[in-house]
Amino acid sequence: MDRVTQTGEATLSLVGGAGRMGLLLARLLKGRFTVKIVSRDPERAKEAADLVGAGWAQIETAHESDVVVVAVPIDRTVEVCRSLAERMRPHSLLVDLASVKTGITYTVRDSTPPTIEYLSLHPLFGPQVQDIAGKRLIAVEARGGSMTESFLRVLQDLGARIWRATVEEHDRAMAAVQVLHHHALLTFASTLGQVASNSDLSPYVTESLERTMQNLKSMQENWETILLIQRCNPHARRVREAFAKAAADHLELDEHSRVNLRRSIMILGSRDDDRSG
């Protein structure tokens, strides 16, 4: 019998679970697993566990669970996954949540025991959400099996939409979706600081700018992750260069430029209509 499908039967360790994303997952998954929050700081793990009504464990015992989810910064993912995987039981499942897959997914897969399953997930939402109904997760199956499929079914039961991809597909898409979006916002913030450094703009702020400023505030709260994504995605520089070229091409806003801009907006708008339909 599949322990993961039996509510509360399977155990799950959330390594880095005292962080915001870890707390969200603990709260969502505690009804389907016996969840233990794991942190290098035991006191922090205890406080986080009390906050969401989960258990906690020392890092030394995290590998004992049926499912081990690693929710640490991108640049620590390989190291932490390796250290846990070598002690995990056969047929257990290792999951990472890295926002970049190149340099991580295949490295972890090729340097961990073939007796365990390994899934590289990317939640396309932040820790501020209340639930994951309708939210997207990208699943890169590095070494799949029955535990992997059962875990993905649990997420789907919670309403998540799972999209399967390869490492290359994921990073190319996220360069366009995440790297470009973040870079555009960062460039906007830098430019606004230059052109309005001595001005009080508060009486003139539009609702649309308020939404943009909220996005920038959210980025500030996740600053290290934002920078790591810009640095680690192998397609990031190409996308930033394309952004700079597009900005230069449209500097004069001549007729050719206006036509191209409008066409681009219409194409993007039609894609959004297709998704919502």
C-alpha atoms as a PDB file:
ATOM      1  CA  MET A   1       0.000   0.000   0.000  1.00  0.00           C
ATOM      2  CA  ASP A   2       1.266   3.466  -0.881  1.00  0.00           C
ATOM      3  CA  ARG A   3       1.979   5.229   2.409  1.00  0.00           C
ATOM      4  CA  VAL A   4       1.877   8.672   0.785  1.00  0.00           C
ATOM      5  CA  THR A   5      -1.762   8.266  -0.233  1.00  0.00           C
ATOM      6  CA  GLN A   6      -2.746   7.312   3.317  1.00  0.00           C
ATOM      7  CA  THR A   7      -3.338  10.566   5.189  1.00  0.00           C
ATOM      8  CA  GLY A   8      -0.725  11.048   7.895  1.00  0.00           C
ATOM      9  CA  GLU A   9       0.963   7.677   7.313  1.00  0.00           C
ATOM     10  CA  ALA A  10       4.086   8.936   5.526  1.00  0.00           C
ATOM     11  CA  THR A  11       6.702  11.168   7.125  1.00  0.00           C
ATOM     12  CA  LEU A  12       8.079  14.319   5.508  1.00  0.00           C
ATOM     13  CA  SER A  13      11.077  16.402   6.549  1.00  0.00           C
ATOM     14  CA  LEU A  14      11.214  20.039   5.420  1.00  0.00           C
ATOM     15  CA  VAL A  15      14.878  21.016   5.442  1.00  0.00           C
ATOM     16  CA  GLY A  16      15.028  24.790   5.567  1.00  0.00           C
ATOM     17  CA  GLY A  17      11.432  24.574   6.694  1.00  0.00           C
ATOM     18  CA  ALA A  18      11.710  27.543   9.045  1.00  0.00           C
ATOM     19  CA  GLY A  19      11.836  29.862   6.028  1.00  0.00           C
ATOM     20  CA  ARG A  20       8.700  31.373   4.511  1.00  0.00           C
ATOM     21  CA  MET A  21       8.249  28.802   1.733  1.00  0.00           C
ATOM     22  CA  GLY A  22       8.963  25.987   4.166  1.00  0.00           C
ATOM     23  CA  LEU A  23       6.302  27.280   6.552  1.00  0.00           C
ATOM     24  CA  LEU A  24       3.765  27.450   3.726  1.00  0.00           C
ATOM     25  CA  LEU A  25       4.462  23.859   2.667  1.00  0.00           C
ATOM     26  CA  ALA A  26       4.371  22.634   6.266  1.00  0.00           C
ATOM     27  CA  ARG A  27       0.962  24.213   6.782  1.00  0.00           C
ATOM     28  CA  LEU A  28      -0.397  22.774   3.529  1.00  0.00           C
ATOM     29  CA  LEU A  29       1.067  19.275   3.813  1.00  0.00           C
ATOM     30  CA  LYS A  30       0.618  18.530   7.519  1.00  0.00           C
ATOM     31  CA  GLY A  31      -2.799  16.983   6.828  1.00  0.00           C
ATOM     32  CA  ARG A  32      -1.280  14.475   4.386  1.00  0.00           C
ATOM     33  CA  PHE A  33       2.051  13.742   6.074  1.00  0.00           C
ATOM     34  CA  THR A  34       3.599  13.672   9.494  1.00  0.00           C
ATOM     35  CA  VAL A  35       5.589  16.846   8.851  1.00  0.00           C
ATOM     36  CA  LYS A  36       8.825  17.728  10.620  1.00  0.00           C
ATOM     37  CA  ILE A  37      10.458  21.120  10.188  1.00  0.00           C
ATOM     38  CA  VAL A  38      14.245  20.965  10.083  1.00  0.00           C
ATOM     39  CA  SER A  39      16.679  23.842  10.520  1.00  0.00           C
ATOM     40  CA  ARG A  40      20.354  24.196  11.387  1.00  0.00           C
ATOM     41  CA  ASP A  41      19.073  26.136  14.403  1.00  0.00           C
ATOM     42  CA  PRO A  42      16.924  23.774  16.546  1.00  0.00           C
ATOM     43  CA  GLU A  43      15.297  26.667  18.392  1.00  0.00           C
ATOM     44  CA  ARG A  44      14.203  28.207  15.107  1.00  0.00           C
ATOM     45  CA  ALA A  45      12.818  24.839  13.995  1.00  0.00           C
ATOM     46  CA  LYS A  46      10.818  24.527  17.229  1.00  0.00           C
ATOM     47  CA  GLU A  47       9.382  28.029  16.889  1.00  0.00           C
ATOM     48  CA  ALA A  48       8.409  27.425  13.265  1.00  0.00           C
ATOM     49  CA  ALA A  49       6.826  24.067  14.115  1.00  0.00           C
ATOM     50  CA  ASP A  50       4.741  25.631  16.889  1.00  0.00           C
ATOM     51  CA  LEU A  51       3.647  28.365  14.493  1.00  0.00           C
ATOM     52  CA  VAL A  52       2.096  25.956  11.974  1.00  0.00           C
ATOM     53  CA  GLY A  53       1.238  23.024  14.224  1.00  0.00           C
ATOM     54  CA  ALA A  54       3.850  20.647  12.826  1.00  0.00           C
ATOM     55  CA  GLY A  55       6.663  18.646  14.372  1.00  0.00           C
ATOM     56  CA  TRP A  56      10.364  19.417  14.221  1.00  0.00           C
ATOM     57  CA  ALA A  57      13.574  17.418  13.977  1.00  0.00           C
ATOM     58  CA  GLN A  58      17.322  17.806  14.192  1.00  0.00           C
ATOM     59  CA  ILE A  59      19.174  18.017  10.879  1.00  0.00           C
ATOM     60  CA  GLU A  60      20.938  14.758  11.816  1.00  0.00           C
ATOM     61  CA  THR A  61      17.657  12.813  11.547  1.00  0.00           C
ATOM     62  CA  ALA A  62      16.072  14.545   8.541  1.00  0.00           C
ATOM     63  CA  HIS A  63      17.117  11.727   6.192  1.00  0.00           C
ATOM     64  CA  GLU A  64      14.918   9.206   8.020  1.00  0.00           C
ATOM     65  CA  SER A  65      11.643  10.477   6.507  1.00  0.00           C
ATOM     66  CA  ASP A  66       9.828   8.948   3.536  1.00  0.00           C
ATOM     67  CA  VAL A  67       9.981  12.316   1.754  1.00  0.00           C
ATOM     68  CA  VAL A  68      12.727  14.902   2.277  1.00  0.00           C
ATOM     69  CA  VAL A  69      12.021  18.358   0.835  1.00  0.00           C
ATOM     70  CA  VAL A  70      14.996  20.722   0.577  1.00  0.00           C
ATOM     71  CA  ALA A  71      13.952  24.391   0.703  1.00  0.00           C
ATOM     72  CA  VAL A  72      17.301  26.178   0.916  1.00  0.00           C
ATOM     73  CA  PRO A  73      18.948  28.916  -1.211  1.00  0.00           C
ATOM     74  CA  ILE A  74      19.897  27.913  -4.761  1.00  0.00           C
ATOM     75  CA  ASP A  75      23.624  27.983  -4.063  1.00  0.00           C
ATOM     76  CA  ARG A  76      23.272  25.517  -1.149  1.00  0.00           C
ATOM     77  CA  THR A  77      20.882  23.078  -2.809  1.00  0.00           C
ATOM     78  CA  VAL A  78      23.440  20.625  -4.212  1.00  0.00           C
ATOM     79  CA  GLU A  79      25.451  20.459  -0.989  1.00  0.00           C
ATOM     80  CA  VAL A  80      22.402  19.874   1.223  1.00  0.00           C
ATOM     81  CA  CYS A  81      20.809  17.343  -1.139  1.00  0.00           C
ATOM     82  CA  ARG A  82      24.002  15.310  -1.351  1.00  0.00           C
ATOM     83  CA  SER A  83      24.521  15.215   2.405  1.00  0.00           C
ATOM     84  CA  LEU A  84      20.966  14.006   3.011  1.00  0.00           C
ATOM     85  CA  ALA A  85      20.657  11.597   0.083  1.00  0.00           C
ATOM     86  CA  GLU A  86      23.589   9.409   1.043  1.00  0.00           C
ATOM     87  CA  ARG A  87      21.754   8.425   4.259  1.00  0.00           C
ATOM     88  CA  MET A  88      18.188   8.176   2.924  1.00  0.00           C
ATOM     89  CA  ARG A  89      16.365   4.849   2.834  1.00  0.00           C
ATOM     90  CA  PRO A  90      15.885   3.021  -0.479  1.00  0.00           C
ATOM     91  CA  HIS A  91      12.674   4.049  -2.292  1.00  0.00           C
ATOM     92  CA  SER A  92      12.357   7.287  -0.323  1.00  0.00           C
ATOM     93  CA  LEU A  93      11.950  10.588  -2.178  1.00  0.00           C
ATOM     94  CA  LEU A  94      14.249  13.615  -2.266  1.00  0.00           C
ATOM     95  CA  VAL A  95      12.693  16.885  -3.479  1.00  0.00           C
ATOM     96  CA  ASP A  96      14.387  20.228  -4.123  1.00  0.00           C
ATOM     97  CA  LEU A  97      12.668  23.570  -4.784  1.00  0.00           C
ATOM     98  CA  ALA A  98      15.431  25.344  -6.703  1.00  0.00           C
ATOM     99  CA  SER A  99      14.346  28.158  -9.035  1.00  0.00           C
ATOM    100  CA  VAL A 100      17.168  27.274 -11.455  1.00  0.00           C
ATOM    101  CA  LYS A 101      17.734  23.694 -12.609  1.00  0.00           C
ATOM    102  CA  THR A 102      20.962  23.881 -14.650  1.00  0.00           C
ATOM    103  CA  GLY A 103      23.930  22.915 -12.492  1.00  0.00           C
ATOM    104  CA  ILE A 104      21.650  21.494  -9.814  1.00  0.00           C
ATOM    105  CA  THR A 105      19.232  18.817 -11.030  1.00  0.00           C
ATOM    106  CA  TYR A 106      21.648  16.643 -13.008  1.00  0.00           C
ATOM    107  CA  THR A 107      24.433  17.195 -10.481  1.00  0.00           C
ATOM    108  CA  VAL A 108      22.242  15.987  -7.622  1.00  0.00           C
ATOM    109  CA  ARG A 109      20.884  13.094  -9.687  1.00  0.00           C
ATOM    110  CA  ASP A 110      24.333  11.894 -10.735  1.00  0.00           C
ATOM    111  CA  SER A 111      25.900  12.196  -7.274  1.00  0.00           C
ATOM    112  CA  THR A 112      23.192  10.584  -5.123  1.00  0.00           C
ATOM    113  CA  PRO A 113      22.274   6.918  -4.623  1.00  0.00           C
ATOM    114  CA  PRO A 114      20.189   5.410  -7.460  1.00  0.00           C
ATOM    115  CA  THR A 115      18.105   3.631  -4.811  1.00  0.00           C
ATOM    116  CA  ILE A 116      16.210   6.830  -3.951  1.00  0.00           C
ATOM    117  CA  GLU A 117      13.827   8.847  -6.103  1.00  0.00           C
ATOM    118  CA  TYR A 118      14.585  12.481  -6.872  1.00  0.00           C
ATOM    119  CA  LEU A 119      12.220  15.236  -8.000  1.00  0.00           C
ATOM    120  CA  SER A 120      13.195  18.824  -8.763  1.00  0.00           C
ATOM    121  CA  LEU A 121      10.200  21.136  -8.250  1.00  0.00           C
ATOM    122  CA  HIS A 122       9.748  24.855  -8.840  1.00  0.00           C
ATOM    123  CA  PRO A 123       6.682  26.478  -7.247  1.00  0.00           C
ATOM    124  CA  LEU A 124       5.608  29.406  -9.460  1.00  0.00           C
ATOM    125  CA  PHE A 125       4.165  31.284  -6.493  1.00  0.00           C
ATOM    126  CA  GLY A 126       5.451  32.971  -3.385  1.00  0.00           C
ATOM    127  CA  PRO A 127       5.080  32.049   0.288  1.00  0.00           C
ATOM    128  CA  GLN A 128       2.399  34.696   0.812  1.00  0.00           C
ATOM    129  CA  VAL A 129      -0.376  32.570  -0.751  1.00  0.00           C
ATOM    130  CA  GLN A 130      -3.008  31.007   1.501  1.00  0.00           C
ATOM    131  CA  ASP A 131      -3.364  27.814  -0.539  1.00  0.00           C
ATOM    132  CA  ILE A 132      -2.145  26.338  -3.825  1.00  0.00           C
ATOM    133  CA  ALA A 133      -5.485  25.835  -5.554  1.00  0.00           C
ATOM    134  CA  GLY A 134      -4.895  26.784  -9.183  1.00  0.00           C
ATOM    135  CA  LYS A 135      -1.211  27.533  -8.559  1.00  0.00           C
ATOM    136  CA  ARG A 136       1.442  26.150 -10.901  1.00  0.00           C
ATOM    137  CA  LEU A 137       4.445  23.976 -10.085  1.00  0.00           C
ATOM    138  CA  ILE A 138       7.048  22.846 -12.609  1.00  0.00           C
ATOM    139  CA  ALA A 139       8.175  19.253 -12.074  1.00  0.00           C
ATOM    140  CA  VAL A 140      11.515  18.059 -13.428  1.00  0.00           C
ATOM    141  CA  GLU A 141      11.644  14.308 -12.840  1.00  0.00           C
ATOM    142  CA  ALA A 142      15.296  13.495 -12.449  1.00  0.00           C
ATOM    143  CA  ARG A 143      14.775   9.969 -11.095  1.00  0.00           C
ATOM    144  CA  GLY A 144      11.092   9.136 -10.876  1.00  0.00           C
ATOM    145  CA  GLY A 145       9.062   6.305  -9.419  1.00  0.00           C
ATOM    146  CA  SER A 146       5.955   5.519  -7.406  1.00  0.00           C
ATOM    147  CA  MET A 147       6.828   7.881  -4.544  1.00  0.00           C
ATOM    148  CA  THR A 148       7.309  10.730  -7.001  1.00  0.00           C
ATOM    149  CA  GLU A 149       3.920  10.126  -8.607  1.00  0.00           C
ATOM    150  CA  SER A 150       2.209   9.829  -5.223  1.00  0.00           C
ATOM    151  CA  PHE A 151       3.747  13.078  -4.004  1.00  0.00           C
ATOM    152  CA  LEU A 152       2.661  14.904  -7.152  1.00  0.00           C
ATOM    153  CA  ARG A 153      -0.863  13.516  -6.689  1.00  0.00           C
ATOM    154  CA  VAL A 154      -0.957  14.976  -3.179  1.00  0.00           C
ATOM    155  CA  LEU A 155      -0.096  18.399  -4.603  1.00  0.00           C
ATOM    156  CA  GLN A 156      -2.772  17.987  -7.274  1.00  0.00           C
ATOM    157  CA  ASP A 157      -5.298  16.984  -4.609  1.00  0.00           C
ATOM    158  CA  LEU A 158      -4.530  20.334  -2.955  1.00  0.00           C
ATOM    159  CA  GLY A 159      -5.450  22.030  -6.231  1.00  0.00           C
ATOM    160  CA  ALA A 160      -1.981  22.570  -7.708  1.00  0.00           C
ATOM    161  CA  ARG A 161      -1.431  22.455 -11.469  1.00  0.00           C
ATOM    162  CA  ILE A 162       1.649  20.376 -12.345  1.00  0.00           C
ATOM    163  CA  TRP A 163       3.588  21.027 -15.549  1.00  0.00           C
ATOM    164  CA  ARG A 164       6.381  18.572 -16.393  1.00  0.00           C
ATOM    165  CA  ALA A 165       9.531  19.841 -18.079  1.00  0.00           C
ATOM    166  CA  THR A 166      13.175  19.065 -18.726  1.00  0.00           C
ATOM    167  CA  VAL A 167      15.997  21.070 -17.168  1.00  0.00           C
ATOM    168  CA  GLU A 168      16.590  22.943 -20.424  1.00  0.00           C
ATOM    169  CA  GLU A 169      12.884  23.647 -21.004  1.00  0.00           C
ATOM    170  CA  HIS A 170      12.516  24.972 -17.477  1.00  0.00           C
ATOM    171  CA  ASP A 171      15.493  27.310 -17.517  1.00  0.00           C
ATOM    172  CA  ARG A 172      14.764  28.701 -20.992  1.00  0.00           C
ATOM    173  CA  ALA A 173      11.169  29.433 -20.019  1.00  0.00           C
ATOM    174  CA  MET A 174      12.088  30.928 -16.651  1.00  0.00           C
ATOM    175  CA  ALA A 175      14.665  33.192 -18.296  1.00  0.00           C
ATOM    176  CA  ALA A 176      11.818  34.730 -20.291  1.00  0.00           C
ATOM    177  CA  VAL A 177       9.246  34.675 -17.493  1.00  0.00           C
ATOM    178  CA  GLN A 178      11.237  35.289 -14.321  1.00  0.00           C
ATOM    179  CA  VAL A 179      14.662  36.685 -15.228  1.00  0.00           C
ATOM    180  CA  LEU A 180      13.257  39.180 -17.745  1.00  0.00           C
ATOM    181  CA  HIS A 181      10.403  40.277 -15.473  1.00  0.00           C
ATOM    182  CA  HIS A 182      12.673  40.797 -12.471  1.00  0.00           C
ATOM    183  CA  HIS A 183      15.309  42.583 -14.552  1.00  0.00           C
ATOM    184  CA  ALA A 184      12.702  44.922 -16.049  1.00  0.00           C
ATOM    185  CA  LEU A 185      11.435  45.824 -12.573  1.00  0.00           C
ATOM    186  CA  LEU A 186      14.948  46.342 -11.211  1.00  0.00           C
ATOM    187  CA  THR A 187      15.850  48.519 -14.192  1.00  0.00           C
ATOM    188  CA  PHE A 188      12.649  50.514 -13.718  1.00  0.00           C
ATOM    189  CA  ALA A 189      13.488  51.088 -10.031  1.00  0.00           C
ATOM    190  CA  SER A 190      17.009  52.225 -10.899  1.00  0.00           C
ATOM    191  CA  THR A 191      15.748  54.580 -13.614  1.00  0.00           C
ATOM    192  CA  LEU A 192      13.017  56.048 -11.420  1.00  0.00           C
ATOM    193  CA  GLY A 193      15.592  56.720  -8.735  1.00  0.00           C
ATOM    194  CA  GLN A 194      17.691  58.662 -11.249  1.00  0.00           C
ATOM    195  CA  VAL A 195      14.992  60.744 -12.935  1.00  0.00           C
ATOM    196  CA  ALA A 196      13.006  61.556  -9.800  1.00  0.00           C
ATOM    197  CA  SER A 197      15.630  61.540  -7.075  1.00  0.00           C
ATOM    198  CA  ASN A 198      14.739  65.023  -5.819  1.00  0.00           C
ATOM    199  CA  SER A 199      10.994  64.920  -6.445  1.00  0.00           C
ATOM    200  CA  ASP A 200       8.076  64.073  -4.198  1.00  0.00           C
ATOM    201  CA  LEU A 201       5.976  61.871  -6.462  1.00  0.00           C
ATOM    202  CA  SER A 202       3.468  60.732  -3.832  1.00  0.00           C
ATOM    203  CA  PRO A 203       0.616  63.021  -5.029  1.00  0.00           C
ATOM    204  CA  TYR A 204       1.040  61.695  -8.577  1.00  0.00           C
ATOM    205  CA  VAL A 205       1.260  57.947  -7.984  1.00  0.00           C
ATOM    206  CA  THR A 206      -1.174  55.961 -10.134  1.00  0.00           C
ATOM    207  CA  GLU A 207      -2.798  52.681  -9.096  1.00  0.00           C
ATOM    208  CA  SER A 208      -0.739  50.902 -11.697  1.00  0.00           C
ATOM    209  CA  LEU A 209       2.474  52.302 -10.190  1.00  0.00           C
ATOM    210  CA  GLU A 210       1.295  51.271  -6.731  1.00  0.00           C
ATOM    211  CA  ARG A 211       1.019  47.684  -7.980  1.00  0.00           C
ATOM    212  CA  THR A 212       4.506  47.933  -9.452  1.00  0.00           C
ATOM    213  CA  MET A 213       5.860  49.270  -6.154  1.00  0.00           C
ATOM    214  CA  GLN A 214       4.250  46.334  -4.331  1.00  0.00           C
ATOM    215  CA  ASN A 215       6.078  43.992  -6.695  1.00  0.00           C
ATOM    216  CA  LEU A 216       9.338  45.793  -5.945  1.00  0.00           C
ATOM    217  CA  LYS A 217       8.690  45.512  -2.212  1.00  0.00           C
ATOM    218  CA  SER A 218       8.164  41.773  -2.611  1.00  0.00           C
ATOM    219  CA  MET A 219      11.436  41.556  -4.541  1.00  0.00           C
ATOM    220  CA  GLN A 220      13.225  43.402  -1.755  1.00  0.00           C
ATOM    221  CA  GLU A 221      11.979  40.788   0.712  1.00  0.00           C
ATOM    222  CA  ASN A 222      13.427  38.047  -1.524  1.00  0.00           C
ATOM    223  CA  TRP A 223      16.517  39.974  -2.600  1.00  0.00           C
ATOM    224  CA  GLU A 224      19.111  37.206  -2.335  1.00  0.00           C
ATOM    225  CA  THR A 225      16.926  34.763  -4.269  1.00  0.00           C
ATOM    226  CA  ILE A 226      16.289  37.353  -6.991  1.00  0.00           C
ATOM    227  CA  LEU A 227      20.020  37.931  -7.454  1.00  0.00           C
ATOM    228  CA  LEU A 228      20.819  34.211  -7.435  1.00  0.00           C
ATOM    229  CA  ILE A 229      18.278  33.596 -10.196  1.00  0.00           C
ATOM    230  CA  GLN A 230      19.822  36.401 -12.282  1.00  0.00           C
ATOM    231  CA  ARG A 231      23.275  34.945 -11.708  1.00  0.00           C
ATOM    232  CA  CYS A 232      22.587  31.217 -12.027  1.00  0.00           C
ATOM    233  CA  ASN A 233      20.139  30.894 -14.915  1.00  0.00           C
ATOM    234  CA  PRO A 234      22.371  30.139 -17.942  1.00  0.00           C
ATOM    235  CA  HIS A 235      20.102  32.134 -20.275  1.00  0.00           C
ATOM    236  CA  ALA A 236      19.888  35.217 -18.053  1.00  0.00           C
ATOM    237  CA  ARG A 237      22.548  37.346 -19.737  1.00  0.00           C
ATOM    238  CA  ARG A 238      21.102  36.731 -23.205  1.00  0.00           C
ATOM    239  CA  VAL A 239      17.686  37.866 -21.961  1.00  0.00           C
ATOM    240  CA  ARG A 240      19.083  40.980 -20.261  1.00  0.00           C
ATOM    241  CA  GLU A 241      20.945  41.876 -23.459  1.00  0.00           C
ATOM    242  CA  ALA A 242      17.726  41.450 -25.461  1.00  0.00           C
ATOM    243  CA  PHE A 243      15.970  43.771 -23.010  1.00  0.00           C
ATOM    244  CA  ALA A 244      18.668  46.425 -23.373  1.00  0.00           C
ATOM    245  CA  LYS A 245      18.525  46.172 -27.174  1.00  0.00           C
ATOM    246  CA  ALA A 246      14.724  46.462 -27.195  1.00  0.00           C
ATOM    247  CA  ALA A 247      14.886  49.552 -24.976  1.00  0.00           C
ATOM    248  CA  ALA A 248      17.421  51.144 -27.334  1.00  0.00           C
ATOM    249  CA  ASP A 249      15.426  50.181 -30.447  1.00  0.00           C
ATOM    250  CA  HIS A 250      12.331  51.936 -29.116  1.00  0.00           C
ATOM    251  CA  LEU A 251      14.101  55.054 -27.863  1.00  0.00           C
ATOM    252  CA  GLU A 252      12.763  57.290 -30.637  1.00  0.00           C
ATOM    253  CA  LEU A 253       9.288  55.703 -30.782  1.00  0.00           C
ATOM    254  CA  ASP A 254       9.134  56.133 -34.565  1.00  0.00           C
ATOM    255  CA  GLU A 255       6.387  54.562 -36.677  1.00  0.00           C
ATOM    256  CA  HIS A 256       8.217  51.242 -37.067  1.00  0.00           C
ATOM    257  CA  SER A 257       8.810  51.068 -33.317  1.00  0.00           C
ATOM    258  CA  ARG A 258       5.178  51.871 -32.473  1.00  0.00           C
ATOM    259  CA  VAL A 259       3.893  49.169 -34.833  1.00  0.00           C
ATOM    260  CA  ASN A 260       6.230  46.561 -33.330  1.00  0.00           C
ATOM    261  CA  LEU A 261       5.314  47.492 -29.768  1.00  0.00           C
ATOM    262  CA  ARG A 262       1.597  47.325 -30.449  1.00  0.00           C
ATOM    263  CA  ARG A 263       1.945  43.998 -32.246  1.00  0.00           C
ATOM    264  CA  SER A 264       3.884  42.561 -29.292  1.00  0.00           C
ATOM    265  CA  ILE A 265       1.240  43.701 -26.802  1.00  0.00           C
ATOM    266  CA  MET A 266      -1.558  42.240 -28.935  1.00  0.00           C
ATOM    267  CA  ILE A 267       0.242  38.881 -29.205  1.00  0.00           C
ATOM    268  CA  LEU A 268       0.857  38.707 -25.456  1.00  0.00           C
ATOM    269  CA  GLY A 269      -2.738  39.695 -24.759  1.00  0.00           C
ATOM    270  CA  SER A 270      -4.095  36.940 -26.999  1.00  0.00           C
ATOM    271  CA  ARG A 271      -1.920  34.357 -25.232  1.00  0.00           C
ATOM    272  CA  ASP A 272      -3.329  35.482 -21.882  1.00  0.00           C
ATOM    273  CA  ASP A 273      -6.883  35.132 -23.249  1.00  0.00           C
ATOM    274  CA  ASP A 274      -6.077  31.594 -24.429  1.00  0.00           C
ATOM    275  CA  ARG A 275      -4.817  30.603 -20.946  1.00  0.00           C
ATOM    276  CA  SER A 276      -7.835  32.039 -19.149  1.00  0.00           C
ATOM    277  CA  GLY A 277     -10.238  30.353 -21.556  1.00  0.00           C
END
